[in-house]
Amino acid sequence: MTSSFERVYGALIGQAVGDALGAPTEGLTRAQIVERYGWVSDFVDENPAGTDDTEYAVLTARLMLAHGTHLTPGQVAAAWTENLVNQVGGFYGGGFSEMTAINNLRAGLAPPVTGSDNHEMWSDGAAMRIAPVGILCAGDPREAARLAAIEAQVSHARDGIYCAQVIAAAVAAAMTADSWEDVLEAGLAAAPADSWSTRSIRRAVEIGTAHTDLPAALDELYARISIFHYPFADVGPEATALAMGVFAAARGDYVQAVLGGTNVGRDADTIAAMAGAMAGALRGAEAIPEQWRRRINVVRGHCIRSTAGTDLAQLARDLHTALLRKDTAA
């Protein structure tokens, strides 16, 4: 049986490994990936590293460790001000939604205005960083969705928040589930049924579930879920749907889920990161190849300098201790 720590570390390192695997294929079309790589089955960079996705997830994990289920929008804003607004130097690879929120905080605005006065409020930036909320709400998808909305509103609104709620709830379910179907069900239940996000995610899950051949699933997901008329591939309802679709096509298997996200293209690092967090929580860290874990375990801090040197295994131990204390208190 997979231990609770293995699931905590699985979700955290699983997200980071997926992020690093997908980074080289981010922005590529499905056809370009096939032409350039055939099938990406391992790191293609000699020195792979997580991107802003992993570093923002570290920031979220620290927020959860500091405040737990009592998290408030003001506490999120304070952490962002300390770690982001006051950062000296640029944000390598930072997303539009996060940069706009940082500028809004710098201008004296506060959540939820920082996330609603933001042309990228429906991007995948909140969903990409939200897995630690699901970790600390293991077995309680509703609580994960509630806290995700609090965390996400610093930079997002509407569908940007809904997508964060979906991933947080799915990870929370995966932390205690035995079935990949239960993970998908919990994620789908977390967002409004009539929302753009839910409609896209439901269609992607149906596509993924209908396929037993992963490359064929990716071809259909890419063709039917991608939003080609928008110039950027960071739309939350698209990326979250693709992550849920490849997770379904992989039947929750960790390696297949992150490789599905990597090879589908579009916002591949974020797609693989979200799929990796869900599959890592479901299958545990032992399902992630040891050489992948070893190479990605220490965070570089390229985007958020205060995260440099973070040991994800130690961060997982801290989250696991907090989870045990929470369970004991309950």
Protein backbone atom coordinates (compact mmCIF):
# COMPACT_ATOMS: atom_id res chain seq x y z
CA MET A 1 0.00 0.00 0.00
CA THR A 2 1.26 3.47 -0.89
CA SER A 3 2.13 5.45 2.25
CA SER A 4 0.78 8.92 2.88
CA PHE A 5 4.28 10.41 2.63
CA GLU A 6 4.85 8.72 -0.72
CA ARG A 7 1.66 10.35 -1.98
CA VAL A 8 2.67 13.77 -0.66
CA TYR A 9 6.10 13.55 -2.26
CA GLY A 10 4.58 11.95 -5.34
CA ALA A 11 2.30 14.92 -5.90
CA LEU A 12 5.04 17.48 -5.28
CA ILE A 13 7.91 15.90 -7.21
CA GLY A 14 5.45 14.54 -9.76
CA GLN A 15 4.38 18.07 -10.60
CA ALA A 16 7.98 19.27 -10.84
CA VAL A 17 9.15 16.38 -13.04
CA GLY A 18 6.21 16.87 -15.38
CA ASP A 19 7.05 20.57 -15.58
CA ALA A 20 10.68 19.85 -16.49
CA LEU A 21 9.79 17.14 -19.02
CA GLY A 22 7.31 19.42 -20.78
CA ALA A 23 9.42 22.58 -20.81
CA PRO A 24 11.22 21.85 -24.13
CA THR A 25 7.94 21.11 -25.95
CA GLU A 26 6.05 24.11 -24.58
CA GLY A 27 4.55 26.11 -27.44
CA LEU A 28 5.11 23.42 -30.04
CA THR A 29 2.34 21.87 -32.08
CA ARG A 30 1.65 18.17 -31.88
CA ALA A 31 3.06 17.79 -35.42
CA GLN A 32 6.22 19.72 -34.57
CA ILE A 33 6.90 17.43 -31.61
CA VAL A 34 6.50 14.33 -33.78
CA GLU A 35 8.75 15.80 -36.46
CA ARG A 36 11.45 16.96 -34.05
CA TYR A 37 11.44 14.16 -31.45
CA GLY A 38 9.19 11.37 -32.64
CA TRP A 39 8.08 10.61 -29.09
CA VAL A 40 9.58 12.34 -26.05
CA SER A 41 10.18 9.62 -23.47
CA ASP A 42 12.80 11.28 -21.25
CA PHE A 43 14.42 14.64 -20.59
CA VAL A 44 15.71 16.10 -23.83
CA ASP A 45 17.85 18.76 -22.12
CA GLU A 46 21.19 17.86 -20.57
CA ASN A 47 20.40 20.01 -17.54
CA PRO A 48 16.61 19.79 -17.05
CA ALA A 49 14.85 22.03 -14.57
CA GLY A 50 11.39 23.03 -13.51
CA THR A 51 9.99 26.35 -14.68
CA ASP A 52 7.87 29.01 -13.00
CA ASP A 53 5.18 26.32 -12.57
CA THR A 54 7.28 24.52 -9.96
CA GLU A 55 8.51 27.67 -8.27
CA TYR A 56 5.01 29.09 -7.84
CA ALA A 57 3.94 25.70 -6.46
CA VAL A 58 6.73 25.98 -3.87
CA LEU A 59 5.40 29.39 -2.90
CA THR A 60 1.90 27.91 -2.54
CA ALA A 61 3.28 25.06 -0.42
CA ARG A 62 4.94 27.54 1.91
CA LEU A 63 1.66 29.45 2.20
CA MET A 64 -0.13 26.24 3.19
CA LEU A 65 2.54 25.39 5.74
CA ALA A 66 2.29 28.85 7.27
CA HIS A 67 -1.50 29.19 7.34
CA GLY A 68 -3.13 25.85 6.58
CA THR A 69 -6.89 25.81 6.21
CA HIS A 70 -7.12 29.29 7.79
CA LEU A 71 -5.58 30.87 4.69
CA THR A 72 -6.93 34.32 3.79
CA PRO A 73 -6.58 36.49 0.66
CA GLY A 74 -4.59 38.99 2.71
CA GLN A 75 -2.05 36.33 3.67
CA VAL A 76 -1.64 35.35 0.03
CA ALA A 77 -1.11 38.98 -0.92
CA ALA A 78 1.46 39.40 1.86
CA ALA A 79 3.44 36.36 0.69
CA TRP A 80 3.35 37.55 -2.90
CA THR A 81 4.51 41.00 -1.81
CA GLU A 82 7.41 39.57 0.18
CA ASN A 83 8.56 37.03 -2.41
CA LEU A 84 7.54 38.63 -5.70
CA VAL A 85 6.80 42.36 -5.46
CA ASN A 86 9.97 42.93 -3.47
CA GLN A 87 12.13 40.64 -5.62
CA VAL A 88 15.15 42.35 -7.09
CA GLY A 89 15.57 41.51 -10.76
CA GLY A 90 13.41 39.97 -13.42
CA PHE A 91 11.09 36.99 -13.45
CA TYR A 92 12.53 34.55 -15.98
CA GLY A 93 9.67 32.73 -17.68
CA GLY A 94 6.98 34.35 -15.53
CA GLY A 95 3.43 34.25 -16.89
CA PHE A 96 1.29 37.23 -17.86
CA SER A 97 -1.31 36.58 -15.17
CA GLU A 98 1.26 36.50 -12.40
CA MET A 99 3.15 39.54 -13.68
CA THR A 100 -0.06 41.56 -13.92
CA ALA A 101 -1.01 40.54 -10.38
CA ILE A 102 2.45 41.56 -9.14
CA ASN A 103 2.07 44.95 -10.81
CA ASN A 104 -1.40 45.32 -9.29
CA LEU A 105 -0.02 44.56 -5.83
CA ARG A 106 2.80 47.02 -6.43
CA ALA A 107 0.18 49.65 -7.27
CA GLY A 108 -1.52 49.11 -3.91
CA LEU A 109 -4.43 46.91 -5.03
CA ALA A 110 -5.54 43.88 -3.02
CA PRO A 111 -7.26 40.57 -3.85
CA PRO A 112 -9.70 39.98 -5.43
CA VAL A 113 -9.09 43.15 -7.46
CA THR A 114 -5.52 42.06 -8.24
CA GLY A 115 -6.95 39.02 -10.02
CA SER A 116 -9.98 40.61 -11.66
CA ASP A 117 -8.20 43.70 -12.98
CA ASN A 118 -6.13 41.37 -15.09
CA HIS A 119 -6.48 40.53 -18.79
CA GLU A 120 -5.04 37.09 -18.11
CA MET A 121 -7.43 36.23 -15.29
CA TRP A 122 -8.52 33.00 -17.01
CA SER A 123 -5.02 31.69 -17.72
CA ASP A 124 -3.67 28.40 -16.33
CA GLY A 125 -1.34 30.19 -13.91
CA ALA A 126 -3.36 29.41 -10.79
CA ALA A 127 -4.05 25.79 -11.74
CA MET A 128 -0.34 25.18 -12.37
CA ARG A 129 0.66 26.10 -8.80
CA ILE A 130 -2.26 24.78 -6.77
CA ALA A 131 -1.31 21.12 -6.12
CA PRO A 132 -0.02 21.80 -2.55
CA VAL A 133 -3.53 22.89 -1.56
CA GLY A 134 -4.80 19.47 -2.63
CA ILE A 135 -1.98 17.78 -0.74
CA LEU A 136 -2.90 19.42 2.55
CA CYS A 137 -6.61 18.68 1.96
CA ALA A 138 -6.02 14.96 1.33
CA GLY A 139 -9.33 13.15 1.01
CA ASP A 140 -11.37 16.38 1.11
CA PRO A 141 -11.84 17.74 -2.42
CA ARG A 142 -14.48 20.28 -1.33
CA GLU A 143 -12.13 21.88 1.17
CA ALA A 144 -9.37 21.87 -1.44
CA ALA A 145 -11.65 23.71 -3.88
CA ARG A 146 -12.59 26.26 -1.21
CA LEU A 147 -8.97 27.03 -0.36
CA ALA A 148 -7.95 27.05 -4.01
CA ALA A 149 -10.40 29.88 -4.66
CA ILE A 150 -8.82 31.88 -1.83
CA GLU A 151 -5.28 31.30 -3.07
CA ALA A 152 -6.08 31.85 -6.75
CA GLN A 153 -7.89 35.18 -6.49
CA VAL A 154 -4.65 37.09 -6.03
CA SER A 155 -4.00 36.58 -9.76
CA HIS A 156 -7.17 35.15 -11.31
CA ALA A 157 -10.94 35.34 -11.54
CA ARG A 158 -13.78 33.24 -12.92
CA ASP A 159 -12.42 30.37 -15.06
CA GLY A 160 -8.88 30.93 -13.86
CA ILE A 161 -10.12 30.17 -10.35
CA TYR A 162 -12.37 27.33 -11.51
CA CYS A 163 -9.39 25.55 -13.10
CA ALA A 164 -7.39 25.90 -9.90
CA GLN A 165 -10.30 24.41 -7.97
CA VAL A 166 -10.46 21.46 -10.38
CA ILE A 167 -6.78 20.57 -9.97
CA ALA A 168 -6.76 21.12 -6.20
CA ALA A 169 -9.83 18.91 -5.75
CA ALA A 170 -8.43 16.23 -8.07
CA VAL A 171 -5.13 16.12 -6.16
CA ALA A 172 -6.98 16.00 -2.83
CA ALA A 173 -8.97 13.02 -4.07
CA ALA A 174 -5.88 11.35 -5.53
CA MET A 175 -4.14 11.54 -2.17
CA THR A 176 -6.46 8.87 -0.77
CA ALA A 177 -8.05 7.28 -3.85
CA ASP A 178 -7.31 3.92 -5.42
CA SER A 179 -9.13 4.68 -8.67
CA TRP A 180 -8.17 7.16 -11.39
CA GLU A 181 -11.85 7.57 -12.18
CA ASP A 182 -12.47 8.92 -8.67
CA VAL A 183 -9.79 11.57 -9.24
CA LEU A 184 -11.47 12.78 -12.41
CA GLU A 185 -14.90 12.76 -10.81
CA ALA A 186 -13.69 14.90 -7.90
CA GLY A 187 -12.02 17.38 -10.23
CA LEU A 188 -15.09 17.74 -12.42
CA ALA A 189 -17.32 18.31 -9.41
CA ALA A 190 -15.21 21.25 -8.20
CA ALA A 191 -16.14 23.80 -10.87
CA PRO A 192 -19.58 25.16 -11.86
CA ALA A 193 -21.32 22.67 -14.14
CA ASP A 194 -22.25 25.33 -16.71
CA SER A 195 -18.79 26.93 -16.89
CA TRP A 196 -16.47 27.07 -19.87
CA SER A 197 -13.91 25.13 -17.83
CA THR A 198 -16.21 22.25 -16.97
CA ARG A 199 -17.49 21.90 -20.52
CA SER A 200 -13.93 21.73 -21.89
CA ILE A 201 -12.72 19.35 -19.18
CA ARG A 202 -15.68 17.01 -19.56
CA ARG A 203 -15.11 16.78 -23.32
CA ALA A 204 -11.39 16.09 -22.79
CA VAL A 205 -12.07 13.38 -20.20
CA GLU A 206 -14.51 11.68 -22.59
CA ILE A 207 -11.86 11.72 -25.32
CA GLY A 208 -9.13 10.40 -23.04
CA THR A 209 -11.31 7.68 -21.59
CA ALA A 210 -12.37 6.50 -25.05
CA HIS A 211 -8.78 5.77 -26.12
CA THR A 212 -6.45 2.95 -25.16
CA ASP A 213 -3.63 4.22 -27.41
CA LEU A 214 -1.96 7.29 -25.89
CA PRO A 215 -0.61 8.91 -29.10
CA ALA A 216 -4.04 8.55 -30.73
CA ALA A 217 -5.62 10.17 -27.67
CA LEU A 218 -3.18 13.08 -27.91
CA ASP A 219 -3.99 13.61 -31.59
CA GLU A 220 -7.69 13.91 -30.84
CA LEU A 221 -7.22 15.97 -27.68
CA TYR A 222 -4.96 18.39 -29.53
CA ALA A 223 -7.40 18.76 -32.42
CA ARG A 224 -10.60 19.08 -30.39
CA ILE A 225 -9.56 20.87 -27.18
CA SER A 226 -6.93 23.38 -28.32
CA ILE A 227 -8.03 26.99 -28.77
CA PHE A 228 -6.21 27.86 -31.97
CA HIS A 229 -7.70 31.33 -32.49
CA TYR A 230 -6.00 32.73 -29.36
CA PRO A 231 -2.30 33.62 -29.78
CA PHE A 232 -1.10 32.00 -26.54
CA ALA A 233 -1.44 28.43 -25.28
CA ASP A 234 -1.98 29.31 -21.62
CA VAL A 235 -5.78 29.39 -21.50
CA GLY A 236 -6.88 27.67 -18.29
CA PRO A 237 -9.90 25.78 -19.67
CA GLU A 238 -7.70 24.43 -22.46
CA ALA A 239 -4.62 23.43 -20.46
CA THR A 240 -6.59 22.01 -17.54
CA ALA A 241 -8.79 20.04 -19.93
CA LEU A 242 -5.75 18.64 -21.73
CA ALA A 243 -4.19 17.65 -18.38
CA MET A 244 -7.36 15.86 -17.30
CA GLY A 245 -7.67 14.27 -20.75
CA VAL A 246 -4.13 12.86 -20.78
CA PHE A 247 -4.58 11.67 -17.17
CA ALA A 248 -7.69 9.80 -18.32
CA ALA A 249 -5.93 8.37 -21.38
CA ALA A 250 -3.05 7.24 -19.13
CA ARG A 251 -5.53 5.66 -16.69
CA GLY A 252 -3.71 7.51 -13.93
CA ASP A 253 -0.33 5.90 -14.68
CA TYR A 254 2.37 8.42 -13.75
CA VAL A 255 4.85 7.95 -16.59
CA GLN A 256 2.16 7.82 -19.26
CA ALA A 257 0.41 10.87 -17.82
CA VAL A 258 3.47 13.14 -17.84
CA LEU A 259 4.63 11.89 -21.23
CA GLY A 260 1.13 12.52 -22.53
CA GLY A 261 1.30 16.10 -21.31
CA THR A 262 4.80 16.51 -22.73
CA ASN A 263 3.91 15.16 -26.18
CA VAL A 264 0.58 16.93 -26.64
CA GLY A 265 2.27 20.31 -27.09
CA ARG A 266 0.59 23.65 -26.42
CA ASP A 267 1.41 24.70 -22.80
CA ALA A 268 3.14 21.36 -22.37
CA ASP A 269 5.07 22.08 -19.18
CA THR A 270 1.93 23.15 -17.34
CA ILE A 271 -0.16 20.31 -18.77
CA ALA A 272 2.44 17.72 -17.77
CA ALA A 273 2.86 19.38 -14.36
CA MET A 274 -0.85 19.19 -13.57
CA ALA A 275 -1.17 15.63 -14.86
CA GLY A 276 1.99 14.74 -12.90
CA ALA A 277 0.62 16.14 -9.65
CA MET A 278 -2.57 14.10 -9.96
CA ALA A 279 -0.81 10.89 -11.00
CA GLY A 280 1.96 11.35 -8.45
CA ALA A 281 -0.58 11.73 -5.66
CA LEU A 282 -2.49 8.68 -6.86
CA ARG A 283 0.45 6.34 -7.47
CA GLY A 284 3.04 7.73 -5.07
CA ALA A 285 6.64 8.79 -5.57
CA GLU A 286 7.73 5.19 -6.17
CA ALA A 287 5.88 5.33 -9.51
CA ILE A 288 8.21 8.12 -10.68
CA PRO A 289 11.55 6.92 -12.09
CA GLU A 290 14.25 7.56 -9.52
CA GLN A 291 16.56 9.23 -12.03
CA TRP A 292 13.83 11.76 -12.82
CA ARG A 293 13.25 12.52 -9.16
CA ARG A 294 16.95 12.88 -8.43
CA ARG A 295 17.58 15.37 -11.24
CA ILE A 296 14.63 17.63 -10.42
CA ASN A 297 14.48 17.47 -6.62
CA VAL A 298 16.30 20.77 -5.99
CA VAL A 299 14.58 23.90 -7.28
CA ARG A 300 16.68 26.38 -9.29
CA GLY A 301 14.87 29.64 -8.53
CA HIS A 302 15.12 31.01 -12.07
CA CYS A 303 11.80 32.85 -11.81
CA ILE A 304 11.24 33.23 -8.05
CA ARG A 305 14.60 33.73 -6.42
CA SER A 306 13.43 32.92 -2.90
CA THR A 307 12.69 29.34 -4.00
CA ALA A 308 16.28 28.64 -5.09
CA GLY A 309 17.75 25.60 -3.36
CA THR A 310 14.42 24.24 -2.13
CA ASP A 311 14.67 20.49 -1.57
CA LEU A 312 11.33 19.07 -2.70
CA ALA A 313 11.76 15.92 -0.63
CA GLN A 314 12.20 18.01 2.52
CA LEU A 315 9.28 20.24 1.54
CA ALA A 316 7.20 17.07 1.14
CA ARG A 317 8.26 15.93 4.62
CA ASP A 318 7.15 19.29 6.01
CA LEU A 319 3.80 19.04 4.22
CA HIS A 320 3.36 15.47 5.43
CA THR A 321 3.99 16.52 9.02
CA ALA A 322 1.45 19.33 8.64
CA LEU A 323 -1.05 16.89 7.16
CA LEU A 324 -0.60 14.47 10.07
CA ARG A 325 -1.05 17.28 12.60
CA LYS A 326 -4.17 18.45 10.82
CA ASP A 327 -5.62 14.95 10.84
CA THR A 328 -4.80 14.51 14.53
CA ALA A 329 -6.40 17.85 15.41
CA ALA A 330 -9.54 16.91 13.50
